[in-house]
Amino acid sequence: MLSLKSYKWDRLEPGRRYCVTVRFYDENEDIYSNFSLPQCATIPAIFSPDPLISGILCSFVIIIVFCIFLLIVTGFICLRRRLLPSVLLRACTSHQQ
C-alpha cells in the first residue's frame, strides 16, 4: 500500500474561489475511481470592491445632476420661457408705437 501524495498550490489570488476533486488510481489493476465531490475554499479578499464601485457611481450621478442644474440655471437649457429684462421691454414697446 502506498501513501497518498499531497500537492500544495502556491500563488493563490485573494478574492477567488478554488475547488478540488480527487480520484484514485490503482497502478496494478490500471483502474481509476470516480471523481469525488468538489471541495471548495474561498481565499478572502484584501478589500471588497463593492464600496468603491458604489462610491464612484454615486459621485458620477451627483456630478451629472449638478451639471444639468447649472445648465438650467444659466439658461443653456430653457425649460421655461424667460422674460426680457424691464429695460429691454420698455425699449421694445416704445419702438413699436
Foldseek 3Di string as FASTA:
>chain_A
DDDDDDDDDPDDAAFDKDWDWDWDADPVVRDIGDIDDIDMDHHHHPDDCVVVVVVVVVVVVVVVVVVVVVCPVVVVDDPDDDDDPPVVVVVVVVVVD
